Amino acid sequence: MAWYSIDGGVAGFIISLVCYLIIVDAIYTDDNCSWQASGLPAELPGSRSVRQIRFQCLAGQFQFDYPYRGVRIILAPPVDVVDFTLCIRPAIGYHGARVYRDAGPDTQLEMLIEDGDDEQKPRCFPSNGGLAILYVETSPNRESQRKLVLFNYDIGMGVRRDEPTVNPTEFVTQDDRVNIEDCKPCTDMQILEKFCKADYIVLGRIDRIEPNEEDKENSNIHINVARMYRQKEDLPVNRAPRSGRFTTVVQTPSKCRSRAGVGQFLLMGSMVNGVPRQACAPRYSDFRRLATQAVIQGTAFCNMGRETYL
């Protein structure tokens, strides 16, 4: 039998290289508004580098499974504005990192989310110079336990550069001003509660969002329907002549400037005078995670129905 020896430095380099190659597994979603990554909870010698990512959307999600090292997140809205308000909200079960606000080189980091803090409330702060910067500091995980750092973000639009200055806690549109609370995405708890109380629940892909010609205050969300889970009143359903797909339309306030996202969504809302009004629209993958977690933990507001989330 032949025995081979490897110099300790070379062996260490090989091990470090292998670990580095299998740690990195990060992707942006198709709309570049969300980021997902996973890695091994390893503390490699000298591996203290910070990854930097950038979002230029009104809303999205940051997800880091088995988090390691640090991540610097630069956020800005997709339009040119003087200022805006950024809000972040941790998901239920958040664990594995602290999140700080980075207001600049001459300021101290301000903690927004403590490790293990999954209280369902938004943490909001104003932008600085047209940007908002977060720093995610991951916690050591030498026991290889699974940790999930997951939070949603949304941006409250401030003032366009060609418009007069107003209070930065308001949205500004061409027609009116509206408090940012009116257009914030639903929290995890609100999603679970709305599922139990909604007049309609539709699973599908958003085809387009366009102005409602008869009601300027609302826009129409056109949905390619995959499944209709609930409709206390009949929704307007049509069948496309070429594809044979079923479609329906629900309404959302125009002032919220909603945009069509990529992927499947679970759209939930209420019927108001016979008109379907949109309330919550989580990605279906996010809803399945929330529903499964709520059922396991016994925190669901009603019978979720296994066929909905499995």
Protein backbone atom coordinates (compact mmCIF):
# COMPACT_ATOMS: atom_id res chain seq x y z
CA MET A 1 0.00 0.00 0.00
CA ALA A 2 1.39 3.42 -0.94
CA TRP A 3 1.14 6.39 1.41
CA TYR A 4 1.29 9.98 0.26
CA SER A 5 1.95 13.00 2.46
CA ILE A 6 0.71 16.51 1.77
CA ASP A 7 2.33 19.59 3.19
CA GLY A 8 0.14 21.14 5.90
CA GLY A 9 -0.01 24.53 4.15
CA VAL A 10 -1.07 22.94 0.86
CA ALA A 11 -3.69 20.83 2.63
CA GLY A 12 -5.07 23.89 4.38
CA PHE A 13 -5.26 25.77 1.09
CA ILE A 14 -7.11 22.88 -0.60
CA ILE A 15 -9.61 22.60 2.26
CA SER A 16 -10.19 26.37 2.26
CA LEU A 17 -10.64 26.38 -1.50
CA VAL A 18 -13.17 23.53 -1.40
CA CYS A 19 -15.11 25.22 1.43
CA TYR A 20 -15.13 28.50 -0.47
CA LEU A 21 -16.47 26.84 -3.60
CA ILE A 22 -19.37 25.12 -1.81
CA ILE A 23 -20.26 28.05 0.43
CA VAL A 24 -21.25 30.49 -2.28
CA ASP A 25 -24.74 29.89 -3.69
CA ALA A 26 -26.49 33.19 -4.22
CA ILE A 27 -29.00 34.36 -6.82
CA TYR A 28 -31.17 37.37 -7.59
CA THR A 29 -34.78 36.64 -8.49
CA ASP A 30 -35.93 37.30 -12.06
CA ASP A 31 -37.09 40.82 -11.20
CA ASN A 32 -33.81 41.65 -9.36
CA CYS A 33 -35.88 42.80 -6.40
CA SER A 34 -35.03 39.90 -4.11
CA TRP A 35 -31.88 37.99 -3.23
CA GLN A 36 -31.50 34.41 -2.01
CA ALA A 37 -28.34 32.74 -0.78
CA SER A 38 -27.25 29.71 1.17
CA GLY A 39 -23.92 28.65 2.58
CA LEU A 40 -22.16 26.55 5.16
CA PRO A 41 -21.83 27.88 8.71
CA ALA A 42 -18.05 27.75 8.48
CA GLU A 43 -15.58 30.23 9.90
CA LEU A 44 -12.62 30.06 7.53
CA PRO A 45 -9.33 31.68 8.60
CA GLY A 46 -9.18 35.20 7.25
CA SER A 47 -12.59 34.99 5.55
CA ARG A 48 -14.01 38.27 6.80
CA SER A 49 -14.91 39.82 3.46
CA VAL A 50 -18.26 41.56 3.07
CA ARG A 51 -20.52 40.83 0.11
CA GLN A 52 -22.29 43.83 -1.41
CA ILE A 53 -25.65 43.68 -3.21
CA ARG A 54 -27.95 46.35 -4.59
CA PHE A 55 -31.73 46.61 -4.96
CA GLN A 56 -33.50 49.23 -7.06
CA CYS A 57 -37.14 48.27 -6.48
CA LEU A 58 -40.07 49.42 -4.38
CA ALA A 59 -40.33 46.10 -2.53
CA GLY A 60 -38.56 42.77 -2.26
CA GLN A 61 -37.00 40.21 0.02
CA PHE A 62 -33.60 39.27 1.44
CA GLN A 63 -33.11 35.59 2.31
CA PHE A 64 -29.91 34.00 3.64
CA ASP A 65 -30.00 30.33 4.65
CA TYR A 66 -27.01 29.20 6.74
CA PRO A 67 -25.76 32.81 6.81
CA TYR A 68 -22.06 33.63 7.06
CA ARG A 69 -19.86 36.71 6.86
CA GLY A 70 -21.40 40.14 6.34
CA VAL A 71 -23.63 41.59 3.63
CA ARG A 72 -23.94 45.27 2.74
CA ILE A 73 -27.23 46.12 1.01
CA ILE A 74 -27.68 49.34 -0.95
CA LEU A 75 -31.30 50.24 -1.69
CA ALA A 76 -32.80 52.91 -3.94
CA PRO A 77 -36.18 53.32 -5.67
CA PRO A 78 -36.48 52.73 -9.42
CA VAL A 79 -37.21 56.44 -10.02
CA ASP A 80 -35.12 59.50 -9.26
CA VAL A 81 -36.23 60.95 -5.90
CA VAL A 82 -34.78 63.31 -3.32
CA ASP A 83 -35.74 61.17 -0.37
CA PHE A 84 -37.74 58.13 0.64
CA THR A 85 -38.52 55.96 3.64
CA LEU A 86 -37.25 52.38 3.85
CA CYS A 87 -39.07 49.83 5.99
CA ILE A 88 -37.89 46.30 6.74
CA ARG A 89 -39.80 43.54 8.50
CA PRO A 90 -38.36 40.20 9.68
CA ALA A 91 -40.17 36.98 8.88
CA ILE A 92 -41.46 34.63 11.55
CA GLY A 93 -38.58 32.46 12.71
CA TYR A 94 -35.90 35.02 11.83
CA HIS A 95 -32.57 33.87 13.27
CA GLY A 96 -28.88 34.17 12.47
CA ALA A 97 -27.90 37.83 12.07
CA ARG A 98 -28.25 41.40 13.25
CA VAL A 99 -29.35 44.06 10.79
CA TYR A 100 -28.06 47.62 11.10
CA ARG A 101 -28.73 50.90 9.39
CA ASP A 102 -25.58 52.39 7.90
CA ALA A 103 -26.08 56.16 7.72
CA GLY A 104 -22.55 56.98 6.53
CA PRO A 105 -18.85 56.74 7.36
CA ASP A 106 -18.99 59.28 10.20
CA THR A 107 -21.96 57.74 12.01
CA GLN A 108 -22.44 54.72 14.24
CA LEU A 109 -24.40 51.74 12.99
CA GLU A 110 -28.00 51.73 14.25
CA MET A 111 -29.39 48.29 15.07
CA LEU A 112 -32.77 47.57 13.48
CA ILE A 113 -33.18 43.83 14.01
CA GLU A 114 -31.54 41.79 16.77
CA ASP A 115 -30.60 38.16 16.17
CA GLY A 116 -33.76 36.10 16.87
CA ASP A 117 -36.08 39.12 16.84
CA ASP A 118 -39.04 38.20 14.63
CA GLU A 119 -41.57 40.68 16.06
CA GLN A 120 -43.98 41.52 13.26
CA LYS A 121 -43.53 45.26 13.08
CA PRO A 122 -41.78 47.42 10.47
CA ARG A 123 -38.48 49.13 11.21
CA CYS A 124 -38.43 52.33 9.16
CA PHE A 125 -35.92 55.12 8.59
CA PRO A 126 -35.36 57.93 6.05
CA SER A 127 -32.90 57.72 3.20
CA ASN A 128 -29.64 59.63 3.07
CA GLY A 129 -28.60 61.20 -0.20
CA GLY A 130 -31.13 59.19 -2.19
CA LEU A 131 -29.90 55.86 -0.77
CA ALA A 132 -30.60 53.58 2.18
CA ILE A 133 -27.88 51.19 3.30
CA LEU A 134 -28.22 48.11 5.50
CA TYR A 135 -25.48 46.01 7.01
CA VAL A 136 -26.26 42.38 7.85
CA GLU A 137 -23.86 41.02 10.48
CA THR A 138 -24.20 37.25 10.72
CA SER A 139 -23.73 35.39 14.00
CA PRO A 140 -21.16 32.58 14.46
CA ASN A 141 -22.59 29.14 13.80
CA ARG A 142 -19.87 26.63 14.59
CA GLU A 143 -22.39 23.87 15.46
CA SER A 144 -23.77 23.80 11.91
CA GLN A 145 -27.31 24.57 13.01
CA ARG A 146 -29.68 25.77 10.34
CA LYS A 147 -30.43 29.47 10.62
CA LEU A 148 -32.55 31.57 8.31
CA VAL A 149 -32.15 35.32 7.91
CA LEU A 150 -35.26 36.45 6.06
CA PHE A 151 -36.81 39.89 5.90
CA ASN A 152 -38.95 41.91 3.50
CA TYR A 153 -38.29 45.49 2.51
CA ASP A 154 -40.46 48.18 0.98
CA ILE A 155 -39.80 51.76 -0.01
CA GLY A 156 -42.15 54.66 0.64
CA MET A 157 -41.58 57.03 -2.26
CA GLY A 158 -40.56 60.54 -1.30
CA VAL A 159 -40.38 63.61 -3.52
CA ARG A 160 -39.35 63.50 -7.15
CA ARG A 161 -36.50 65.89 -7.91
CA ASP A 162 -38.76 68.03 -10.09
CA GLU A 163 -41.49 68.39 -7.43
CA PRO A 164 -41.74 70.75 -4.43
CA THR A 165 -40.52 69.50 -1.04
CA VAL A 166 -43.06 67.87 1.28
CA ASN A 167 -43.01 65.71 4.36
CA PRO A 168 -40.85 62.63 3.57
CA THR A 169 -43.31 60.33 5.40
CA GLU A 170 -45.79 60.72 2.54
CA PHE A 171 -46.06 59.25 -0.91
CA VAL A 172 -46.39 61.85 -3.64
CA THR A 173 -48.21 61.19 -6.89
CA GLN A 174 -49.32 63.54 -9.63
CA ASP A 175 -52.86 63.64 -8.30
CA ASP A 176 -52.68 63.28 -4.53
CA ARG A 177 -50.59 62.53 -1.48
CA VAL A 178 -51.16 59.47 0.61
CA ASN A 179 -49.67 58.16 3.86
CA ILE A 180 -47.20 55.34 3.24
CA GLU A 181 -49.18 52.99 5.52
CA ASP A 182 -51.88 52.71 2.82
CA CYS A 183 -49.57 50.95 0.37
CA LYS A 184 -47.30 48.81 2.52
CA PRO A 185 -47.13 45.07 1.79
CA CYS A 186 -48.92 42.83 4.29
CA THR A 187 -46.97 41.48 7.24
CA ASP A 188 -46.68 37.72 7.73
CA MET A 189 -49.39 37.84 10.39
CA GLN A 190 -51.68 39.92 8.18
CA ILE A 191 -51.25 37.41 5.35
CA LEU A 192 -52.26 34.51 7.60
CA GLU A 193 -55.22 36.46 8.99
CA LYS A 194 -56.38 37.65 5.58
CA PHE A 195 -56.30 34.08 4.28
CA CYS A 196 -58.98 33.21 6.83
CA LYS A 197 -61.16 36.29 6.21
CA ALA A 198 -60.74 37.01 2.49
CA ASP A 199 -63.77 37.02 0.22
CA TYR A 200 -61.63 35.65 -2.61
CA ILE A 201 -58.33 33.78 -2.88
CA VAL A 202 -56.79 33.33 -6.32
CA LEU A 203 -53.55 31.55 -7.20
CA GLY A 204 -51.99 32.74 -10.41
CA ARG A 205 -49.52 34.86 -12.31
CA ILE A 206 -49.95 38.60 -12.76
CA ASP A 207 -50.15 39.32 -16.48
CA ARG A 208 -50.30 43.11 -16.30
CA ILE A 209 -51.51 46.07 -14.27
CA GLU A 210 -53.22 48.91 -16.10
CA PRO A 211 -55.39 51.94 -15.26
CA ASN A 212 -59.12 51.46 -14.83
CA GLU A 213 -60.71 53.70 -17.45
CA GLU A 214 -63.97 54.01 -15.52
CA ASP A 215 -62.40 54.54 -12.09
CA LYS A 216 -59.22 56.61 -12.19
CA GLU A 217 -58.49 56.00 -8.50
CA ASN A 218 -57.99 52.27 -9.11
CA SER A 219 -55.95 50.07 -11.41
CA ASN A 220 -56.84 46.65 -12.77
CA ILE A 221 -54.66 43.64 -11.96
CA HIS A 222 -55.03 41.05 -14.73
CA ILE A 223 -54.39 37.53 -13.44
CA ASN A 224 -53.75 34.28 -15.28
CA VAL A 225 -55.63 31.94 -12.95
CA ALA A 226 -54.00 28.67 -11.89
CA ARG A 227 -56.54 27.89 -9.19
CA MET A 228 -59.48 29.59 -7.51
CA TYR A 229 -59.43 28.66 -3.81
CA ARG A 230 -62.30 30.85 -2.66
CA GLN A 231 -64.87 33.27 -4.06
CA LYS A 232 -67.80 34.26 -1.88
CA GLU A 233 -69.09 36.20 -4.87
CA ASP A 234 -68.34 35.22 -8.44
CA LEU A 235 -65.26 36.93 -9.85
CA PRO A 236 -65.30 37.99 -13.51
CA VAL A 237 -63.60 35.03 -15.22
CA ASN A 238 -62.80 34.92 -18.94
CA ARG A 239 -61.09 32.33 -21.11
CA ALA A 240 -58.42 33.45 -23.55
CA PRO A 241 -59.37 32.23 -27.07
CA ARG A 242 -55.82 31.25 -28.11
CA SER A 243 -54.22 29.86 -24.96
CA GLY A 244 -57.41 28.62 -23.33
CA ARG A 245 -56.23 30.07 -20.01
CA PHE A 246 -58.68 31.46 -17.52
CA THR A 247 -58.18 35.07 -16.48
CA THR A 248 -59.73 37.39 -13.94
CA VAL A 249 -59.34 41.00 -12.82
CA VAL A 250 -59.13 42.55 -9.35
CA GLN A 251 -58.55 46.16 -8.40
CA THR A 252 -55.84 47.97 -6.45
CA PRO A 253 -55.45 51.71 -5.63
CA SER A 254 -53.63 53.53 -8.44
CA LYS A 255 -51.77 55.67 -5.90
CA CYS A 256 -49.81 52.60 -4.75
CA ARG A 257 -48.13 52.27 -8.15
CA SER A 258 -48.24 48.47 -8.06
CA ARG A 259 -46.12 46.59 -10.57
CA ALA A 260 -46.47 43.09 -11.98
CA GLY A 261 -44.00 40.66 -10.40
CA VAL A 262 -42.55 37.42 -11.72
CA GLY A 263 -43.81 34.06 -10.48
CA GLN A 264 -46.98 32.77 -8.82
CA PHE A 265 -48.85 34.88 -6.29
CA LEU A 266 -51.72 34.18 -3.92
CA LEU A 267 -54.03 37.16 -4.28
CA MET A 268 -56.49 37.75 -1.44
CA GLY A 269 -59.02 40.50 -0.94
CA SER A 270 -62.56 41.63 -0.25
CA MET A 271 -65.63 42.28 -2.35
CA VAL A 272 -66.75 45.91 -2.05
CA ASN A 273 -70.07 46.65 -3.76
CA GLY A 274 -69.47 43.71 -6.04
CA VAL A 275 -65.93 44.81 -6.96
CA PRO A 276 -62.91 42.67 -5.91
CA ARG A 277 -60.46 44.86 -3.98
CA GLN A 278 -56.94 43.53 -3.56
CA ALA A 279 -55.50 43.35 0.00
CA CYS A 280 -52.54 40.93 0.19
CA ALA A 281 -50.57 39.27 -2.59
CA PRO A 282 -47.66 37.22 -1.23
CA ARG A 283 -45.56 35.06 -3.49
CA TYR A 284 -47.01 31.55 -3.33
CA SER A 285 -43.68 30.12 -2.15
CA ASP A 286 -43.67 32.60 0.76
CA PHE A 287 -47.27 31.77 1.66
CA ARG A 288 -46.56 28.04 1.69
CA ARG A 289 -43.67 28.61 4.09
CA LEU A 290 -45.82 30.80 6.36
CA ALA A 291 -48.77 28.41 6.32
CA THR A 292 -46.65 25.34 7.02
CA GLN A 293 -44.91 27.11 9.89
CA ALA A 294 -48.22 28.33 11.36
CA VAL A 295 -49.78 24.86 11.22
CA ILE A 296 -46.75 23.21 12.84
CA GLN A 297 -46.56 25.84 15.57
CA GLY A 298 -50.33 25.93 16.12
CA THR A 299 -50.55 29.67 15.41
CA ALA A 300 -52.88 29.55 12.38
CA PHE A 301 -56.02 31.70 12.61
CA CYS A 302 -58.14 29.03 10.94
CA ASN A 303 -57.94 25.69 9.14
CA MET A 304 -55.41 26.50 6.43
CA GLY A 305 -56.37 23.54 4.26
CA ARG A 306 -53.46 21.29 3.29
CA GLU A 307 -54.30 21.56 -0.40
CA THR A 308 -53.57 25.29 -0.24
CA TYR A 309 -49.98 25.17 0.88
CA LEU A 310 -48.67 21.69 0.06
